[in-house]
Protein backbone atom coordinates (compact mmCIF):
# COMPACT_ATOMS: atom_id res chain seq x y z
CA SER A 1 24.58 28.87 -5.31
CA CYS A 2 23.18 31.72 -7.40
CA THR A 3 24.36 33.24 -10.69
CA ILE A 4 23.92 37.00 -11.26
CA GLN A 5 24.56 39.14 -14.33
CA TRP A 6 24.99 42.90 -14.88
CA SER A 7 26.13 45.43 -17.49
CA PRO A 8 29.24 47.67 -17.28
CA PRO A 9 28.71 51.23 -16.01
CA GLU A 10 27.95 53.90 -18.61
CA ASP A 11 30.76 56.09 -17.23
CA ASP A 12 34.08 54.75 -15.95
CA GLY A 13 34.84 58.11 -14.25
CA GLY A 14 37.75 58.79 -16.57
CA ALA A 15 39.80 55.85 -15.32
CA PRO A 16 39.74 52.18 -16.33
CA LEU A 17 37.77 49.83 -14.10
CA LYS A 18 39.92 47.82 -11.73
CA ASN A 19 37.30 45.24 -10.66
CA TYR A 20 33.76 44.61 -9.53
CA LEU A 21 32.85 43.92 -5.92
CA VAL A 22 29.98 41.47 -5.39
CA GLU A 23 28.23 41.61 -2.02
CA LYS A 24 25.42 39.64 -0.42
CA ARG A 25 22.91 40.09 2.39
CA GLU A 26 20.38 37.68 3.88
CA ALA A 27 16.87 39.10 3.76
CA THR A 28 16.62 38.76 7.54
CA ARG A 29 19.73 40.89 8.11
CA THR A 30 20.74 44.50 7.50
CA SER A 31 24.49 44.18 6.97
CA TRP A 32 26.21 43.37 3.70
CA SER A 33 29.20 41.08 3.34
CA ARG A 34 31.78 40.65 0.60
CA ALA A 35 31.08 37.70 -1.64
CA ASP A 36 33.74 38.04 -4.36
CA LYS A 37 36.01 40.44 -6.25
CA ILE A 38 35.67 40.07 -10.04
CA SER A 39 37.91 41.29 -12.86
CA PRO A 40 36.36 44.10 -14.97
CA GLU A 41 36.03 41.96 -18.10
CA ILE A 42 33.50 39.66 -16.40
CA THR A 43 29.87 40.65 -15.92
CA THR A 44 28.47 37.27 -14.83
CA HIS A 45 29.29 35.52 -11.60
CA CYS A 46 28.15 32.43 -9.62
CA ILE A 47 28.05 32.99 -5.88
CA GLN A 48 28.75 29.78 -3.92
CA SER A 49 28.17 28.49 -0.37
CA LEU A 50 24.68 29.88 0.08
CA ASN A 51 22.24 28.23 2.48
CA GLU A 52 19.49 26.43 0.60
CA GLY A 53 16.08 27.79 1.43
CA ALA A 54 17.43 31.17 2.58
CA GLU A 55 16.61 34.45 0.80
CA PHE A 56 19.42 36.83 -0.27
CA TYR A 57 19.88 40.28 -1.76
CA PHE A 58 22.90 40.86 -4.03
CA ARG A 59 24.63 44.03 -5.25
CA VAL A 60 27.55 44.88 -7.54
CA ILE A 61 29.97 47.82 -7.13
CA ALA A 62 32.31 49.00 -9.90
CA GLU A 63 35.74 50.14 -8.74
CA ASN A 64 38.49 52.22 -10.42
CA LYS A 65 41.64 53.76 -8.99
CA VAL A 66 39.68 56.66 -7.57
CA GLY A 67 37.30 54.44 -5.60
CA PRO A 68 34.02 52.49 -5.65
CA SER A 69 30.84 53.41 -7.46
CA GLU A 70 27.39 53.47 -5.99
CA PRO A 71 26.07 49.87 -5.68
CA LEU A 72 23.71 48.30 -8.19
CA GLU A 73 21.30 46.49 -5.88
CA MET A 74 18.57 43.92 -6.60
CA ASP A 75 15.13 45.16 -5.68
CA LYS A 76 13.83 41.67 -4.72
CA ALA A 77 15.33 38.95 -2.58
CA VAL A 78 16.25 35.68 -4.26
CA LYS A 79 15.35 32.35 -2.60
CA ILE A 80 18.17 29.85 -2.91
CA LYS A 81 16.98 26.50 -4.19
CA SER A 82 18.09 23.73 -6.49
CA PRO A 83 17.18 24.12 -10.14
CA TYR A 84 15.96 20.53 -9.92
CA ASP A 85 12.90 19.08 -8.21
CA LYS A 86 11.84 15.80 -6.71
CA PRO A 87 10.03 13.59 -9.21
CA SER A 88 6.28 13.50 -9.47
CA ALA A 89 4.48 10.46 -8.08
CA PRO A 90 4.60 7.26 -10.15
CA GLU A 91 1.74 7.02 -12.60
CA GLY A 92 -1.14 5.00 -11.24
CA PRO A 93 -2.98 3.05 -10.48
CA LEU A 94 -0.75 0.98 -8.23
CA LYS A 95 -2.14 -2.32 -9.48
CA VAL A 96 -2.59 -5.31 -7.18
CA SER A 97 -2.58 -8.74 -8.85
CA GLU A 98 -1.69 -12.38 -8.23
CA VAL A 99 -2.85 -12.19 -4.63
CA GLY A 100 -1.89 -15.41 -2.86
CA GLU A 101 -1.96 -16.66 0.69
CA LYS A 102 1.14 -14.69 1.73
CA SER A 103 2.04 -12.48 -1.25
CA ALA A 104 0.76 -10.08 -3.91
CA MET A 105 2.15 -8.53 -7.10
CA LEU A 106 2.30 -4.70 -7.30
CA SER A 107 2.95 -2.77 -10.52
CA TRP A 108 3.01 0.90 -11.61
CA GLN A 109 4.19 3.25 -14.35
CA PRO A 110 7.12 5.74 -14.24
CA PRO A 111 6.33 9.32 -13.13
CA ARG A 112 5.50 11.95 -15.72
CA SER A 113 8.21 14.25 -14.37
CA ASP A 114 11.66 13.21 -13.19
CA GLY A 115 12.29 16.68 -11.70
CA GLY A 116 15.14 17.30 -14.12
CA LEU A 117 17.25 14.46 -12.74
CA PRO A 118 17.29 10.76 -13.63
CA ILE A 119 15.06 8.51 -11.55
CA SER A 120 17.42 6.42 -9.40
CA GLY A 121 14.81 3.93 -8.20
CA TYR A 122 11.55 3.30 -6.40
CA THR A 123 10.75 2.70 -2.73
CA LEU A 124 7.89 0.34 -1.88
CA GLN A 125 6.26 0.50 1.56
CA PHE A 126 3.33 -1.35 3.12
CA LYS A 127 1.36 -1.59 6.36
CA GLU A 128 -1.67 -3.25 7.84
CA SER A 129 -4.71 -1.11 7.06
CA ARG A 130 -5.54 -0.71 10.74
CA ARG A 131 -2.05 0.54 11.65
CA SER A 132 -0.42 3.92 11.07
CA THR A 133 3.25 2.96 10.70
CA TRP A 134 4.59 2.26 7.23
CA MET A 135 7.34 -0.32 6.72
CA THR A 136 9.79 -0.19 3.82
CA PHE A 137 9.60 -3.49 1.98
CA LYS A 138 12.07 -2.95 -0.84
CA GLU A 139 14.01 -0.40 -2.88
CA VAL A 140 14.28 -1.29 -6.56
CA SER A 141 16.07 0.15 -9.58
CA ALA A 142 14.53 2.65 -11.99
CA GLU A 143 14.09 -0.11 -14.57
CA GLU A 144 11.78 -2.12 -12.30
CA THR A 145 8.11 -1.17 -12.15
CA SER A 146 6.75 -4.24 -10.38
CA VAL A 147 7.46 -5.99 -7.09
CA THR A 148 6.13 -9.14 -5.42
CA LEU A 149 5.21 -8.19 -1.87
CA THR A 150 5.85 -11.17 0.44
CA GLY A 151 5.54 -12.03 4.11
CA LEU A 152 1.83 -11.23 4.34
CA VAL A 153 -0.50 -12.91 6.82
CA PRO A 154 -3.65 -14.56 5.43
CA ASP A 155 -6.98 -12.89 6.19
CA THR A 156 -5.25 -9.60 7.10
CA GLU A 157 -5.89 -6.39 5.12
CA TYR A 158 -2.89 -4.39 3.91
CA VAL A 159 -2.25 -1.25 1.85
CA ALA A 160 0.92 -0.40 -0.10
CA GLN A 161 2.51 2.73 -1.56
CA VAL A 162 5.35 3.43 -3.98
CA MET A 163 7.57 6.52 -4.40
CA ALA A 164 9.94 7.52 -7.18
CA VAL A 165 13.41 8.71 -6.08
CA ASN A 166 16.03 11.00 -7.63
CA LYS A 167 18.97 12.91 -6.10
CA GLU A 168 16.60 15.58 -4.79
CA GLY A 169 14.57 13.07 -2.80
CA SER A 170 11.36 11.05 -2.93
CA SER A 171 8.19 11.84 -4.83
CA PRO A 172 4.69 11.94 -3.36
CA CYS A 173 3.24 8.47 -2.75
CA LEU A 174 1.08 6.43 -5.08
CA LEU A 175 -1.32 4.43 -2.89
CA SER A 176 -2.73 0.98 -3.66
CA GLU A 177 -6.20 -0.40 -3.13
CA PRO A 178 -6.60 -2.68 -0.08
CA ILE A 179 -4.73 -5.99 -0.34
CA ARG A 180 -6.48 -9.00 1.21
CA PRO A 181 -4.45 -12.22 1.06
CA LYS A 182 -6.73 -15.22 1.49
CA ARG A 183 -5.83 -18.48 3.16
CA VAL A 184 -5.51 -21.19 0.53
CA LEU A 185 -7.18 -24.36 1.78
CA ALA A 186 -5.73 -27.76 0.93
CA VAL A 187 -6.12 -31.37 1.93
CA PRO A 188 -4.31 -32.29 5.16
CA SER A 189 -0.94 -33.95 5.22
CA ALA A 190 -0.96 -37.66 6.00
CA PRO A 191 -1.29 -38.82 9.62
CA LYS A 192 1.97 -39.82 11.32
CA SER A 193 3.34 -42.87 13.13
CA VAL A 194 0.70 -45.44 12.18
CA HIS A 195 1.41 -48.57 14.22
CA ILE A 196 -0.19 -51.60 15.89
CA ARG A 197 -0.69 -51.20 19.62
CA ASN A 198 -1.84 -54.73 20.52
CA MET A 199 -3.11 -57.87 18.80
CA GLY A 200 -5.54 -60.68 19.54
CA LYS A 201 -6.30 -63.86 17.64
CA ASP A 202 -8.44 -62.06 15.04
CA ASN A 203 -8.24 -58.42 16.07
CA LEU A 204 -5.85 -55.59 16.80
CA THR A 205 -5.77 -51.91 17.76
CA LEU A 206 -4.41 -49.39 15.27
CA GLU A 207 -2.91 -46.14 16.59
CA TRP A 208 -1.56 -42.97 14.88
CA SER A 209 -0.70 -39.29 15.41
CA ALA A 210 -2.43 -36.25 13.93
CA PRO A 211 -0.98 -34.84 10.68
CA GLU A 212 1.50 -31.95 10.80
CA SER A 213 -0.77 -29.79 8.63
CA ASP A 214 -4.56 -29.63 8.59
CA GLY A 215 -4.45 -27.82 5.22
CA GLY A 216 -5.93 -24.69 6.75
CA SER A 217 -9.18 -26.45 7.60
CA ARG A 218 -10.07 -28.43 10.72
CA ILE A 219 -9.70 -32.22 10.53
CA LYS A 220 -13.22 -33.67 10.47
CA LYS A 221 -12.48 -37.39 10.69
CA TYR A 222 -10.04 -40.18 9.89
CA LEU A 223 -10.58 -43.03 7.44
CA VAL A 224 -9.16 -46.42 8.49
CA GLU A 225 -8.59 -49.03 5.75
CA LYS A 226 -7.06 -52.48 5.39
CA SER A 227 -5.50 -54.37 2.51
CA LYS A 228 -4.10 -57.84 2.01
CA MET A 229 -0.39 -57.86 1.26
CA GLY A 230 0.18 -57.87 -2.50
CA SER A 231 -3.26 -56.45 -3.29
CA ASP A 232 -3.95 -52.96 -4.65
CA LYS A 233 -7.43 -52.94 -3.17
CA TRP A 234 -8.11 -51.10 0.07
CA THR A 235 -11.20 -51.92 2.11
CA LYS A 236 -12.81 -49.45 4.47
CA VAL A 237 -12.70 -50.49 8.12
CA SER A 238 -14.33 -47.42 9.68
CA THR A 239 -14.32 -43.64 9.96
CA VAL A 240 -13.13 -42.16 13.25
CA ASP A 241 -13.93 -38.80 14.85
CA SER A 242 -11.07 -36.31 14.70
CA TYR A 243 -10.46 -36.35 18.45
CA LYS A 244 -9.60 -40.07 18.35
CA THR A 245 -6.26 -41.36 17.11
CA PHE A 246 -6.84 -45.09 17.56
CA GLN A 247 -9.28 -47.71 16.29
CA ALA A 248 -9.98 -51.36 17.06
CA VAL A 249 -10.05 -53.62 14.00
CA SER A 250 -11.76 -57.01 14.41
CA ASP A 251 -12.82 -60.10 12.44
CA LEU A 252 -9.50 -60.30 10.63
CA GLU A 253 -8.72 -63.39 8.63
CA GLN A 254 -5.91 -65.39 10.18
CA GLU A 255 -2.79 -66.62 8.40
CA VAL A 256 -3.00 -63.53 6.12
CA GLU A 257 -0.52 -60.63 5.98
CA TRP A 258 -2.39 -57.35 6.45
CA LEU A 259 -1.49 -53.72 5.79
CA PHE A 260 -3.43 -50.90 7.44
CA ALA A 261 -3.76 -47.24 6.40
CA VAL A 262 -5.15 -44.06 7.94
CA SER A 263 -6.15 -40.91 6.01
CA ALA A 264 -7.13 -37.50 7.43
CA ILE A 265 -10.18 -35.72 5.99
CA ASN A 266 -11.07 -32.00 6.08
CA GLU A 267 -13.57 -29.91 4.11
CA VAL A 268 -11.29 -29.89 1.06
CA GLY A 269 -10.76 -33.60 0.85
CA GLN A 270 -8.75 -36.63 1.91
CA SER A 271 -5.03 -36.78 2.63
CA GLU A 272 -2.65 -39.38 1.32
CA ARG A 273 -2.69 -42.71 3.13
CA ALA A 274 -0.31 -43.27 6.01
CA VAL A 275 0.44 -47.01 5.83
CA THR A 276 1.85 -49.33 8.48
CA SER A 277 5.57 -49.84 7.92
CA LYS A 278 5.34 -53.63 7.63
CA PRO A 279 2.57 -56.22 7.17
CA VAL A 280 0.93 -57.85 10.17
CA LYS A 281 0.09 -61.57 10.21
CA LEU A 282 -2.38 -63.00 12.73
CA ASP A 283 -1.30 -66.59 13.41
CA LYS A 284 -3.94 -69.13 14.32
CA PRO A 285 -3.71 -69.58 18.13
CA ILE A 286 -2.66 -72.94 19.63
CA GLU A 287 -5.42 -74.56 21.69
CA PRO A 288 -5.59 -77.73 23.79
CA PRO A 289 -6.31 -80.81 21.69
CA SER A 290 -9.68 -82.50 21.77
CA ALA A 291 -10.16 -85.55 23.98
CA PRO A 292 -8.93 -88.88 22.67
CA ILE A 293 -11.59 -90.85 20.84
CA GLY A 294 -13.18 -93.63 22.83
CA PRO A 295 -14.32 -95.99 23.96
CA MET A 296 -11.28 -97.00 25.91
CA GLU A 297 -10.52 -100.71 25.49
CA PHE A 298 -8.90 -102.96 28.08
CA SER A 299 -6.97 -106.19 27.44
CA ASN A 300 -4.48 -108.51 29.13
CA ILE A 301 -5.99 -107.79 32.49
CA THR A 302 -4.26 -109.42 35.48
CA LYS A 303 -4.48 -108.91 39.21
CA LYS A 304 -1.69 -106.34 38.94
CA GLY A 305 -2.67 -104.50 35.79
CA GLY A 306 -3.80 -104.57 32.21
CA ARG A 307 -3.52 -102.93 28.85
CA VAL A 308 -5.65 -99.90 27.89
CA SER A 309 -5.99 -98.48 24.36
CA TRP A 310 -7.80 -95.59 22.59
CA LYS A 311 -7.91 -93.70 19.34
CA PRO A 312 -6.02 -90.40 18.77
CA SER A 313 -7.69 -87.02 19.23
CA SER A 314 -9.50 -85.71 16.19
CA ASN A 315 -8.09 -82.17 16.69
CA ASP A 316 -4.52 -81.47 17.79
CA GLY A 317 -5.36 -77.79 18.63
CA GLY A 318 -2.97 -76.44 16.02
CA SER A 319 0.17 -78.20 17.30
CA PRO A 320 1.31 -81.85 17.14
CA ILE A 321 0.33 -83.95 20.15
CA THR A 322 3.43 -84.67 22.21
CA HIS A 323 2.08 -87.36 24.56
CA TYR A 324 -0.96 -88.71 26.37
CA SER A 325 -1.49 -88.71 30.13
CA VAL A 326 -3.15 -91.83 31.60
CA GLU A 327 -4.72 -91.54 35.03
CA LYS A 328 -6.63 -93.92 37.33
CA ARG A 329 -8.79 -93.84 40.46
CA GLU A 330 -10.46 -96.41 42.60
CA THR A 331 -14.20 -96.40 42.23
CA TRP A 332 -14.87 -95.41 45.77
CA LYS A 333 -12.41 -92.47 45.56
CA SER A 334 -12.66 -89.15 43.76
CA THR A 335 -8.99 -88.40 43.18
CA TRP A 336 -7.23 -89.33 39.94
CA VAL A 337 -3.54 -90.27 40.00
CA PRO A 338 -1.08 -90.86 37.11
CA VAL A 339 -0.54 -94.42 35.95
CA GLU A 340 3.02 -95.65 36.11
CA ARG A 341 4.27 -97.31 32.95
């Protein structure tokens, strides 16, 4: 729209004015068109439905009962535009702070000029520095002047920009300095599934799985430890290269309940222990008893037999002796046969 103003004619031609005729013409055209007919008391008028950005000429014609006057024409074209502007860019700098592994805080100040209209909000965009396409991260209200930018990838450089918005549109951009989220290193998580694979009389093989997280740093080795059930003390068994997930443990005391633990180690430090789910007890193995103690004694010897006696074995092999086997052979033979009772 455009509002024009004029003064009444100096001479009404001897007859009262009936009305004013307002006409318009685009600067690119030669023909005039009727815009409005105005009552003679009014000398100001707002012309509606004009194309924004176009240039127009306007003219006013006074009319009485005899006819129209000569037109009063503007000597310069008028460009149709809003009386309001887009806001100026937010006041900088666009500060980058609290940079983490996957996020960064961005903050700014409101623009100096709101363009004559209230600021409705801000639009925050970001992109990887090496790319050309901006992505809109968030639109926030006019009261907010800080945003936490999330979803970043560690060790990747980004840049961000913010724009103020009113009803006329978006301001120029305020650009940030490069944003470089850094990977935060931590100790690994504990190894998984620690269990006993097989056992001997004083040894066993311990097996486990790699931890879910290496803490952002390669696993260097594993620490294997043992502890007697009920004790708070852990004793180092060995350290194992990272490519191995098993370890033989030997020279274990029998008849003792053992717990075993594995920890993962990277450049930051040592993970929590992953402990076997239940204690392991190595029972003393049962062995054959030692030979009965001699010498063997014979008594009550007859032509058909005799009585033989001996002393019990000094070592039952870890289990009570159930019986003795008595065998015989003739001196000129090599084969032993059981003696019938």
